[in-house]
Amino acid sequence: RLIEIVQAFGYEAVVEKEVPGFIENRILYAILRECLALVEQGV
């Protein structure tokens, strides 16, 4: 039912299993971690 509602207002529903941070934030925070390390190292 929730997927149908999401689709009713034209959005993409990404169906996931339950993991800490879900998909988007896991990927985002992995990128941010590497970016911060590179800045800290003066790269």
ModelCIF file with pLDDT and N, C-alpha, C, O atoms, coordinates in Angstrom:
data_MODEL
#
_entry.id   MODEL 
#
_entity.id                         1 
_entity.type                       polymer 
_entity.pdbx_number_of_molecules   1 
#
_entity_poly.entity_id                      1 
_entity_poly.type                           'polypeptide(L)' 
_entity_poly.nstd_linkage                   no 
_entity_poly.nstd_monomer                   no 
_entity_poly.pdbx_seq_one_letter_code       RLIEIVQAFGYEAVVEKEVPGFIENRILYAILRECLALVEQGV 
_entity_poly.pdbx_seq_one_letter_code_can   RLIEIVQAFGYEAVVEKEVPGFIENRILYAILRECLALVEQGV 
_entity_poly.pdbx_strand_id                 A 
#
loop_
_entity_poly_seq.entity_id 
_entity_poly_seq.num 
_entity_poly_seq.mon_id 
_entity_poly_seq.hetero 
1 1  ARG n 
1 2  LEU n 
1 3  ILE n 
1 4  GLU n 
1 5  ILE n 
1 6  VAL n 
1 7  GLN n 
1 8  ALA n 
1 9  PHE n 
1 10 GLY n 
1 11 TYR n 
1 12 GLU n 
1 13 ALA n 
1 14 VAL n 
1 15 VAL n 
1 16 GLU n 
1 17 LYS n 
1 18 GLU n 
1 19 VAL n 
1 20 PRO n 
1 21 GLY n 
1 22 PHE n 
1 23 ILE n 
1 24 GLU n 
1 25 ASN n 
1 26 ARG n 
1 27 ILE n 
1 28 LEU n 
1 29 TYR n 
1 30 ALA n 
1 31 ILE n 
1 32 LEU n 
1 33 ARG n 
1 34 GLU n 
1 35 CYS n 
1 36 LEU n 
1 37 ALA n 
1 38 LEU n 
1 39 VAL n 
1 40 GLU n 
1 41 GLN n 
1 42 GLY n 
1 43 VAL n 
#
_struct_asym.id          A 
_struct_asym.entity_id   1 
#
loop_
_ma_qa_metric.id 
_ma_qa_metric.mode 
_ma_qa_metric.name 
_ma_qa_metric.software_group_id 
_ma_qa_metric.type 
1 global pLDDT . pLDDT 
2 local  pLDDT . pLDDT 
#
_ma_qa_metric_global.metric_id      1 
_ma_qa_metric_global.metric_value   95.65 
_ma_qa_metric_global.model_id       1 
_ma_qa_metric_global.ordinal_id     1 
#
loop_
_ma_qa_metric_local.label_asym_id 
_ma_qa_metric_local.label_comp_id 
_ma_qa_metric_local.label_seq_id 
_ma_qa_metric_local.metric_id 
_ma_qa_metric_local.metric_value 
_ma_qa_metric_local.model_id 
_ma_qa_metric_local.ordinal_id 
A ARG 1  2 97.00 1 1  
A LEU 2  2 98.00 1 2  
A ILE 3  2 97.00 1 3  
A GLU 4  2 97.00 1 4  
A ILE 5  2 97.00 1 5  
A VAL 6  2 97.00 1 6  
A GLN 7  2 96.00 1 7  
A ALA 8  2 96.00 1 8  
A PHE 9  2 95.00 1 9  
A GLY 10 2 93.00 1 10 
A TYR 11 2 96.00 1 11 
A GLU 12 2 95.00 1 12 
A ALA 13 2 97.00 1 13 
A VAL 14 2 97.00 1 14 
A VAL 15 2 97.00 1 15 
A GLU 16 2 95.00 1 16 
A LYS 17 2 94.00 1 17 
A GLU 18 2 94.00 1 18 
A VAL 19 2 92.00 1 19 
A PRO 20 2 90.00 1 20 
A GLY 21 2 91.00 1 21 
A PHE 22 2 94.00 1 22 
A ILE 23 2 95.00 1 23 
A GLU 24 2 95.00 1 24 
A ASN 25 2 94.00 1 25 
A ARG 26 2 95.00 1 26 
A ILE 27 2 95.00 1 27 
A LEU 28 2 96.00 1 28 
A TYR 29 2 95.00 1 29 
A ALA 30 2 96.00 1 30 
A ILE 31 2 96.00 1 31 
A LEU 32 2 97.00 1 32 
A ARG 33 2 97.00 1 33 
A GLU 34 2 97.00 1 34 
A CYS 35 2 97.00 1 35 
A LEU 36 2 97.00 1 36 
A ALA 37 2 97.00 1 37 
A LEU 38 2 97.00 1 38 
A VAL 39 2 97.00 1 39 
A GLU 40 2 96.00 1 40 
A GLN 41 2 96.00 1 41 
A GLY 42 2 96.00 1 42 
A VAL 43 2 97.00 1 43 
#
loop_
_atom_site.group_PDB 
_atom_site.id 
_atom_site.type_symbol 
_atom_site.label_atom_id 
_atom_site.label_alt_id 
_atom_site.label_comp_id 
_atom_site.label_asym_id 
_atom_site.label_entity_id 
_atom_site.label_seq_id 
_atom_site.pdbx_PDB_ins_code 
_atom_site.Cartn_x 
_atom_site.Cartn_y 
_atom_site.Cartn_z 
_atom_site.occupancy 
_atom_site.B_iso_or_equiv 
_atom_site.pdbx_formal_charge 
_atom_site.auth_seq_id 
_atom_site.auth_comp_id 
_atom_site.auth_asym_id 
_atom_site.auth_atom_id 
_atom_site.pdbx_PDB_model_num 
ATOM 1   N N  . ARG A 1 1  ? 0.820  -1.209 0.000  1.00 97.00 ? 1  ARG A N  1 
ATOM 2   C CA . ARG A 1 1  ? 0.000  0.000  0.000  1.00 97.00 ? 1  ARG A CA 1 
ATOM 3   C C  . ARG A 1 1  ? 0.851  1.255  0.000  1.00 97.00 ? 1  ARG A C  1 
ATOM 4   O O  . ARG A 1 1  ? 0.533  2.227  -0.686 1.00 97.00 ? 1  ARG A O  1 
ATOM 5   N N  . LEU A 1 2  ? 1.941  1.239  0.773  1.00 98.00 ? 2  LEU A N  1 
ATOM 6   C CA . LEU A 1 2  ? 2.802  2.417  0.820  1.00 98.00 ? 2  LEU A CA 1 
ATOM 7   C C  . LEU A 1 2  ? 3.489  2.635  -0.523 1.00 98.00 ? 2  LEU A C  1 
ATOM 8   O O  . LEU A 1 2  ? 3.620  3.776  -0.967 1.00 98.00 ? 2  LEU A O  1 
ATOM 9   N N  . ILE A 1 3  ? 3.922  1.578  -1.169 1.00 97.00 ? 3  ILE A N  1 
ATOM 10  C CA . ILE A 1 3  ? 4.535  1.708  -2.498 1.00 97.00 ? 3  ILE A CA 1 
ATOM 11  C C  . ILE A 1 3  ? 3.543  2.340  -3.471 1.00 97.00 ? 3  ILE A C  1 
ATOM 12  O O  . ILE A 1 3  ? 3.923  3.192  -4.274 1.00 97.00 ? 3  ILE A O  1 
ATOM 13  N N  . GLU A 1 4  ? 2.283  1.932  -3.406 1.00 97.00 ? 4  GLU A N  1 
ATOM 14  C CA . GLU A 1 4  ? 1.262  2.513  -4.286 1.00 97.00 ? 4  GLU A CA 1 
ATOM 15  C C  . GLU A 1 4  ? 1.082  3.995  -4.015 1.00 97.00 ? 4  GLU A C  1 
ATOM 16  O O  . GLU A 1 4  ? 0.907  4.778  -4.949 1.00 97.00 ? 4  GLU A O  1 
ATOM 17  N N  . ILE A 1 5  ? 1.124  4.391  -2.747 1.00 97.00 ? 5  ILE A N  1 
ATOM 18  C CA . ILE A 1 5  ? 0.987  5.808  -2.409 1.00 97.00 ? 5  ILE A CA 1 
ATOM 19  C C  . ILE A 1 5  ? 2.171  6.597  -2.969 1.00 97.00 ? 5  ILE A C  1 
ATOM 20  O O  . ILE A 1 5  ? 1.988  7.660  -3.562 1.00 97.00 ? 5  ILE A O  1 
ATOM 21  N N  . VAL A 1 6  ? 3.380  6.078  -2.780 1.00 97.00 ? 6  VAL A N  1 
ATOM 22  C CA . VAL A 1 6  ? 4.574  6.753  -3.282 1.00 97.00 ? 6  VAL A CA 1 
ATOM 23  C C  . VAL A 1 6  ? 4.477  6.924  -4.802 1.00 97.00 ? 6  VAL A C  1 
ATOM 24  O O  . VAL A 1 6  ? 4.781  7.990  -5.337 1.00 97.00 ? 6  VAL A O  1 
ATOM 25  N N  . GLN A 1 7  ? 4.060  5.888  -5.471 1.00 96.00 ? 7  GLN A N  1 
ATOM 26  C CA . GLN A 1 7  ? 3.926  5.956  -6.931 1.00 96.00 ? 7  GLN A CA 1 
ATOM 27  C C  . GLN A 1 7  ? 2.810  6.901  -7.353 1.00 96.00 ? 7  GLN A C  1 
ATOM 28  O O  . GLN A 1 7  ? 2.858  7.482  -8.437 1.00 96.00 ? 7  GLN A O  1 
ATOM 29  N N  . ALA A 1 8  ? 1.797  7.053  -6.489 1.00 96.00 ? 8  ALA A N  1 
ATOM 30  C CA . ALA A 1 8  ? 0.672  7.938  -6.816 1.00 96.00 ? 8  ALA A CA 1 
ATOM 31  C C  . ALA A 1 8  ? 1.111  9.397  -6.894 1.00 96.00 ? 8  ALA A C  1 
ATOM 32  O O  . ALA A 1 8  ? 0.503  10.176 -7.629 1.00 96.00 ? 8  ALA A O  1 
ATOM 33  N N  . PHE A 1 9  ? 2.156  9.789  -6.153 1.00 95.00 ? 9  PHE A N  1 
ATOM 34  C CA . PHE A 1 9  ? 2.641  11.157 -6.313 1.00 95.00 ? 9  PHE A CA 1 
ATOM 35  C C  . PHE A 1 9  ? 3.947  11.206 -7.115 1.00 95.00 ? 9  PHE A C  1 
ATOM 36  O O  . PHE A 1 9  ? 4.740  12.138 -6.982 1.00 95.00 ? 9  PHE A O  1 
ATOM 37  N N  . GLY A 1 10 ? 4.151  10.180 -7.951 1.00 93.00 ? 10 GLY A N  1 
ATOM 38  C CA . GLY A 1 10 ? 5.185  10.237 -8.973 1.00 93.00 ? 10 GLY A CA 1 
ATOM 39  C C  . GLY A 1 10 ? 6.608  10.013 -8.506 1.00 93.00 ? 10 GLY A C  1 
ATOM 40  O O  . GLY A 1 10 ? 7.549  10.330 -9.233 1.00 93.00 ? 10 GLY A O  1 
ATOM 41  N N  . TYR A 1 11 ? 6.788  9.471  -7.302 1.00 96.00 ? 11 TYR A N  1 
ATOM 42  C CA . TYR A 1 11 ? 8.134  9.213  -6.793 1.00 96.00 ? 11 TYR A CA 1 
ATOM 43  C C  . TYR A 1 11 ? 8.526  7.755  -7.018 1.00 96.00 ? 11 TYR A C  1 
ATOM 44  O O  . TYR A 1 11 ? 7.670  6.891  -7.210 1.00 96.00 ? 11 TYR A O  1 
ATOM 45  N N  . GLU A 1 12 ? 9.828  7.499  -6.992 1.00 95.00 ? 12 GLU A N  1 
ATOM 46  C CA . GLU A 1 12 ? 10.346 6.143  -7.067 1.00 95.00 ? 12 GLU A CA 1 
ATOM 47  C C  . GLU A 1 12 ? 10.401 5.554  -5.662 1.00 95.00 ? 12 GLU A C  1 
ATOM 48  O O  . GLU A 1 12 ? 10.939 6.178  -4.747 1.00 95.00 ? 12 GLU A O  1 
ATOM 49  N N  . ALA A 1 13 ? 9.851  4.366  -5.490 1.00 97.00 ? 13 ALA A N  1 
ATOM 50  C CA . ALA A 1 13 ? 9.915  3.660  -4.211 1.00 97.00 ? 13 ALA A CA 1 
ATOM 51  C C  . ALA A 1 13 ? 11.075 2.667  -4.264 1.00 97.00 ? 13 ALA A C  1 
ATOM 52  O O  . ALA A 1 13 ? 11.072 1.747  -5.081 1.00 97.00 ? 13 ALA A O  1 
ATOM 53  N N  . VAL A 1 14 ? 12.065 2.856  -3.392 1.00 97.00 ? 14 VAL A N  1 
ATOM 54  C CA . VAL A 1 14 ? 13.200 1.943  -3.313 1.00 97.00 ? 14 VAL A CA 1 
ATOM 55  C C  . VAL A 1 14 ? 12.933 0.984  -2.157 1.00 97.00 ? 14 VAL A C  1 
ATOM 56  O O  . VAL A 1 14 ? 12.943 1.389  -0.995 1.00 97.00 ? 14 VAL A O  1 
ATOM 57  N N  . VAL A 1 15 ? 12.695 -0.275 -2.473 1.00 97.00 ? 15 VAL A N  1 
ATOM 58  C CA . VAL A 1 15 ? 12.315 -1.268 -1.472 1.00 97.00 ? 15 VAL A CA 1 
ATOM 59  C C  . VAL A 1 15 ? 13.571 -1.923 -0.914 1.00 97.00 ? 15 VAL A C  1 
ATOM 60  O O  . VAL A 1 15 ? 14.373 -2.481 -1.663 1.00 97.00 ? 15 VAL A O  1 
ATOM 61  N N  . GLU A 1 16 ? 13.739 -1.856 0.400  1.00 95.00 ? 16 GLU A N  1 
ATOM 62  C CA . GLU A 1 16 ? 14.977 -2.310 1.026  1.00 95.00 ? 16 GLU A CA 1 
ATOM 63  C C  . GLU A 1 16 ? 14.707 -3.226 2.210  1.00 95.00 ? 16 GLU A C  1 
ATOM 64  O O  . GLU A 1 16 ? 13.629 -3.212 2.803  1.00 95.00 ? 16 GLU A O  1 
ATOM 65  N N  . LYS A 1 17 ? 15.722 -4.024 2.535  1.00 94.00 ? 17 LYS A N  1 
ATOM 66  C CA . LYS A 1 17 ? 15.729 -4.727 3.803  1.00 94.00 ? 17 LYS A CA 1 
ATOM 67  C C  . LYS A 1 17 ? 16.262 -3.779 4.872  1.00 94.00 ? 17 LYS A C  1 
ATOM 68  O O  . LYS A 1 17 ? 16.919 -2.786 4.561  1.00 94.00 ? 17 LYS A O  1 
ATOM 69  N N  . GLU A 1 18 ? 15.979 -4.087 6.113  1.00 94.00 ? 18 GLU A N  1 
ATOM 70  C CA . GLU A 1 18 ? 16.344 -3.220 7.228  1.00 94.00 ? 18 GLU A CA 1 
ATOM 71  C C  . GLU A 1 18 ? 17.818 -3.384 7.592  1.00 94.00 ? 18 GLU A C  1 
ATOM 72  O O  . GLU A 1 18 ? 18.243 -4.441 8.061  1.00 94.00 ? 18 GLU A O  1 
ATOM 73  N N  . VAL A 1 19 ? 18.591 -2.317 7.367  1.00 92.00 ? 19 VAL A N  1 
ATOM 74  C CA . VAL A 1 19 ? 19.995 -2.268 7.799  1.00 92.00 ? 19 VAL A CA 1 
ATOM 75  C C  . VAL A 1 19 ? 20.227 -0.876 8.384  1.00 92.00 ? 19 VAL A C  1 
ATOM 76  O O  . VAL A 1 19 ? 19.578 0.078  7.956  1.00 92.00 ? 19 VAL A O  1 
ATOM 77  N N  . PRO A 1 20 ? 21.142 -0.736 9.360  1.00 90.00 ? 20 PRO A N  1 
ATOM 78  C CA . PRO A 1 20 ? 21.400 0.581  9.952  1.00 90.00 ? 20 PRO A CA 1 
ATOM 79  C C  . PRO A 1 20 ? 21.773 1.601  8.883  1.00 90.00 ? 20 PRO A C  1 
ATOM 80  O O  . PRO A 1 20 ? 22.646 1.356  8.051  1.00 90.00 ? 20 PRO A O  1 
ATOM 81  N N  . GLY A 1 21 ? 21.098 2.751  8.918  1.00 91.00 ? 21 GLY A N  1 
ATOM 82  C CA . GLY A 1 21 ? 21.387 3.813  7.954  1.00 91.00 ? 21 GLY A CA 1 
ATOM 83  C C  . GLY A 1 21 ? 20.666 3.684  6.628  1.00 91.00 ? 21 GLY A C  1 
ATOM 84  O O  . GLY A 1 21 ? 20.652 4.622  5.831  1.00 91.00 ? 21 GLY A O  1 
ATOM 85  N N  . PHE A 1 22 ? 20.054 2.499  6.383  1.00 94.00 ? 22 PHE A N  1 
ATOM 86  C CA . PHE A 1 22 ? 19.410 2.234  5.096  1.00 94.00 ? 22 PHE A CA 1 
ATOM 87  C C  . PHE A 1 22 ? 20.436 2.383  3.968  1.00 94.00 ? 22 PHE A C  1 
ATOM 88  O O  . PHE A 1 22 ? 21.635 2.443  4.240  1.00 94.00 ? 22 PHE A O  1 
ATOM 89  N N  . ILE A 1 23 ? 19.994 2.442  2.723  1.00 95.00 ? 23 ILE A N  1 
ATOM 90  C CA . ILE A 1 23 ? 20.941 2.458  1.607  1.00 95.00 ? 23 ILE A CA 1 
ATOM 91  C C  . ILE A 1 23 ? 21.548 3.845  1.398  1.00 95.00 ? 23 ILE A C  1 
ATOM 92  O O  . ILE A 1 23 ? 22.768 3.996  1.329  1.00 95.00 ? 23 ILE A O  1 
ATOM 93  N N  . GLU A 1 24 ? 20.689 4.847  1.300  1.00 95.00 ? 24 GLU A N  1 
ATOM 94  C CA . GLU A 1 24 ? 21.168 6.179  0.918  1.00 95.00 ? 24 GLU A CA 1 
ATOM 95  C C  . GLU A 1 24 ? 22.231 6.691  1.881  1.00 95.00 ? 24 GLU A C  1 
ATOM 96  O O  . GLU A 1 24 ? 23.300 7.129  1.456  1.00 95.00 ? 24 GLU A O  1 
ATOM 97  N N  . ASN A 1 25 ? 21.940 6.635  3.175  1.00 94.00 ? 25 ASN A N  1 
ATOM 98  C CA . ASN A 1 25 ? 22.894 7.187  4.134  1.00 94.00 ? 25 ASN A CA 1 
ATOM 99  C C  . ASN A 1 25 ? 24.141 6.331  4.282  1.00 94.00 ? 25 ASN A C  1 
ATOM 100 O O  . ASN A 1 25 ? 25.212 6.862  4.572  1.00 94.00 ? 25 ASN A O  1 
ATOM 101 N N  . ARG A 1 26 ? 24.034 5.031  4.093  1.00 95.00 ? 26 ARG A N  1 
ATOM 102 C CA . ARG A 1 26 ? 25.238 4.195  4.144  1.00 95.00 ? 26 ARG A CA 1 
ATOM 103 C C  . ARG A 1 26 ? 26.213 4.606  3.041  1.00 95.00 ? 26 ARG A C  1 
ATOM 104 O O  . ARG A 1 26 ? 27.413 4.737  3.281  1.00 95.00 ? 26 ARG A O  1 
ATOM 105 N N  . ILE A 1 27 ? 25.690 4.806  1.839  1.00 95.00 ? 27 ILE A N  1 
ATOM 106 C CA . ILE A 1 27 ? 26.547 5.200  0.720  1.00 95.00 ? 27 ILE A CA 1 
ATOM 107 C C  . ILE A 1 27 ? 27.056 6.624  0.909  1.00 95.00 ? 27 ILE A C  1 
ATOM 108 O O  . ILE A 1 27 ? 28.236 6.904  0.696  1.00 95.00 ? 27 ILE A O  1 
ATOM 109 N N  . LEU A 1 28 ? 26.150 7.527  1.315  1.00 96.00 ? 28 LEU A N  1 
ATOM 110 C CA . LEU A 1 28 ? 26.545 8.918  1.518  1.00 96.00 ? 28 LEU A CA 1 
ATOM 111 C C  . LEU A 1 28 ? 27.642 9.036  2.576  1.00 96.00 ? 28 LEU A C  1 
ATOM 112 O O  . LEU A 1 28 ? 28.624 9.751  2.379  1.00 96.00 ? 28 LEU A O  1 
ATOM 113 N N  . TYR A 1 29 ? 27.473 8.333  3.695  1.00 95.00 ? 29 TYR A N  1 
ATOM 114 C CA . TYR A 1 29 ? 28.448 8.466  4.777  1.00 95.00 ? 29 TYR A CA 1 
ATOM 115 C C  . TYR A 1 29 ? 29.783 7.809  4.427  1.00 95.00 ? 29 TYR A C  1 
ATOM 116 O O  . TYR A 1 29 ? 30.828 8.229  4.924  1.00 95.00 ? 29 TYR A O  1 
ATOM 117 N N  . ALA A 1 30 ? 29.755 6.796  3.587  1.00 96.00 ? 30 ALA A N  1 
ATOM 118 C CA . ALA A 1 30 ? 31.014 6.221  3.106  1.00 96.00 ? 30 ALA A CA 1 
ATOM 119 C C  . ALA A 1 30 ? 31.763 7.241  2.252  1.00 96.00 ? 30 ALA A C  1 
ATOM 120 O O  . ALA A 1 30 ? 32.982 7.373  2.362  1.00 96.00 ? 30 ALA A O  1 
ATOM 121 N N  . ILE A 1 31 ? 31.033 7.959  1.403  1.00 96.00 ? 31 ILE A N  1 
ATOM 122 C CA . ILE A 1 31 ? 31.654 9.010  0.585  1.00 96.00 ? 31 ILE A CA 1 
ATOM 123 C C  . ILE A 1 31 ? 32.189 10.132 1.470  1.00 96.00 ? 31 ILE A C  1 
ATOM 124 O O  . ILE A 1 31 ? 33.320 10.587 1.294  1.00 96.00 ? 31 ILE A O  1 
ATOM 125 N N  . LEU A 1 32 ? 31.362 10.578 2.429  1.00 97.00 ? 32 LEU A N  1 
ATOM 126 C CA . LEU A 1 32 ? 31.780 11.672 3.300  1.00 97.00 ? 32 LEU A CA 1 
ATOM 127 C C  . LEU A 1 32 ? 32.995 11.292 4.140  1.00 97.00 ? 32 LEU A C  1 
ATOM 128 O O  . LEU A 1 32 ? 33.870 12.125 4.376  1.00 97.00 ? 32 LEU A O  1 
ATOM 129 N N  . ARG A 1 33 ? 33.056 10.043 4.593  1.00 97.00 ? 33 ARG A N  1 
ATOM 130 C CA . ARG A 1 33 ? 34.204 9.601  5.379  1.00 97.00 ? 33 ARG A CA 1 
ATOM 131 C C  . ARG A 1 33 ? 35.501 9.713  4.564  1.00 97.00 ? 33 ARG A C  1 
ATOM 132 O O  . ARG A 1 33 ? 36.518 10.197 5.063  1.00 97.00 ? 33 ARG A O  1 
ATOM 133 N N  . GLU A 1 34 ? 35.451 9.264  3.314  1.00 97.00 ? 34 GLU A N  1 
ATOM 134 C CA . GLU A 1 34 ? 36.642 9.341  2.463  1.00 97.00 ? 34 GLU A CA 1 
ATOM 135 C C  . GLU A 1 34 ? 36.996 10.795 2.148  1.00 97.00 ? 34 GLU A C  1 
ATOM 136 O O  . GLU A 1 34 ? 38.171 11.163 2.128  1.00 97.00 ? 34 GLU A O  1 
ATOM 137 N N  . CYS A 1 35 ? 35.977 11.617 1.902  1.00 97.00 ? 35 CYS A N  1 
ATOM 138 C CA . CYS A 1 35 ? 36.231 13.031 1.611  1.00 97.00 ? 35 CYS A CA 1 
ATOM 139 C C  . CYS A 1 35 ? 36.896 13.722 2.789  1.00 97.00 ? 35 CYS A C  1 
ATOM 140 O O  . CYS A 1 35 ? 37.860 14.465 2.604  1.00 97.00 ? 35 CYS A O  1 
ATOM 141 N N  . LEU A 1 36 ? 36.396 13.487 4.001  1.00 97.00 ? 36 LEU A N  1 
ATOM 142 C CA . LEU A 1 36 ? 36.975 14.111 5.186  1.00 97.00 ? 36 LEU A CA 1 
ATOM 143 C C  . LEU A 1 36 ? 38.413 13.643 5.404  1.00 97.00 ? 36 LEU A C  1 
ATOM 144 O O  . LEU A 1 36 ? 39.275 14.432 5.791  1.00 97.00 ? 36 LEU A O  1 
ATOM 145 N N  . ALA A 1 37 ? 38.667 12.359 5.155  1.00 97.00 ? 37 ALA A N  1 
ATOM 146 C CA . ALA A 1 37 ? 40.029 11.831 5.316  1.00 97.00 ? 37 ALA A CA 1 
ATOM 147 C C  . ALA A 1 37 ? 40.984 12.516 4.351  1.00 97.00 ? 37 ALA A C  1 
ATOM 148 O O  . ALA A 1 37 ? 42.109 12.845 4.728  1.00 97.00 ? 37 ALA A O  1 
ATOM 149 N N  . LEU A 1 38 ? 40.558 12.733 3.126  1.00 97.00 ? 38 LEU A N  1 
ATOM 150 C CA . LEU A 1 38 ? 41.419 13.376 2.127  1.00 97.00 ? 38 LEU A CA 1 
ATOM 151 C C  . LEU A 1 38 ? 41.711 14.838 2.484  1.00 97.00 ? 38 LEU A C  1 
ATOM 152 O O  . LEU A 1 38 ? 42.826 15.322 2.292  1.00 97.00 ? 38 LEU A O  1 
ATOM 153 N N  . VAL A 1 39 ? 40.693 15.532 3.005  1.00 97.00 ? 39 VAL A N  1 
ATOM 154 C CA . VAL A 1 39 ? 40.910 16.922 3.425  1.00 97.00 ? 39 VAL A CA 1 
ATOM 155 C C  . VAL A 1 39 ? 41.847 16.964 4.627  1.00 97.00 ? 39 VAL A C  1 
ATOM 156 O O  . VAL A 1 39 ? 42.762 17.785 4.681  1.00 97.00 ? 39 VAL A O  1 
ATOM 157 N N  . GLU A 1 40 ? 41.613 16.068 5.598  1.00 96.00 ? 40 GLU A N  1 
ATOM 158 C CA . GLU A 1 40 ? 42.476 16.014 6.788  1.00 96.00 ? 40 GLU A CA 1 
ATOM 159 C C  . GLU A 1 40 ? 43.937 15.736 6.414  1.00 96.00 ? 40 GLU A C  1 
ATOM 160 O O  . GLU A 1 40 ? 44.857 16.281 7.025  1.00 96.00 ? 40 GLU A O  1 
ATOM 161 N N  . GLN A 1 41 ? 44.134 14.897 5.422  1.00 96.00 ? 41 GLN A N  1 
ATOM 162 C CA . GLN A 1 41 ? 45.490 14.538 5.001  1.00 96.00 ? 41 GLN A CA 1 
ATOM 163 C C  . GLN A 1 41 ? 46.143 15.622 4.139  1.00 96.00 ? 41 GLN A C  1 
ATOM 164 O O  . GLN A 1 41 ? 47.318 15.515 3.787  1.00 96.00 ? 41 GLN A O  1 
ATOM 165 N N  . GLY A 1 42 ? 45.380 16.661 3.803  1.00 96.00 ? 42 GLY A N  1 
ATOM 166 C CA . GLY A 1 42 ? 45.930 17.738 2.987  1.00 96.00 ? 42 GLY A CA 1 
ATOM 167 C C  . GLY A 1 42 ? 46.034 17.403 1.513  1.00 96.00 ? 42 GLY A C  1 
ATOM 168 O O  . GLY A 1 42 ? 46.749 18.075 0.769  1.00 96.00 ? 42 GLY A O  1 
ATOM 169 N N  . VAL A 1 43 ? 45.317 16.356 1.079  1.00 97.00 ? 43 VAL A N  1 
ATOM 170 C CA . VAL A 1 43 ? 45.365 15.961 -0.333 1.00 97.00 ? 43 VAL A CA 1 
ATOM 171 C C  . VAL A 1 43 ? 44.717 17.032 -1.215 1.00 97.00 ? 43 VAL A C  1 
ATOM 172 O O  . VAL A 1 43 ? 44.663 16.877 -2.435 1.00 97.00 ? 43 VAL A O  1 
#
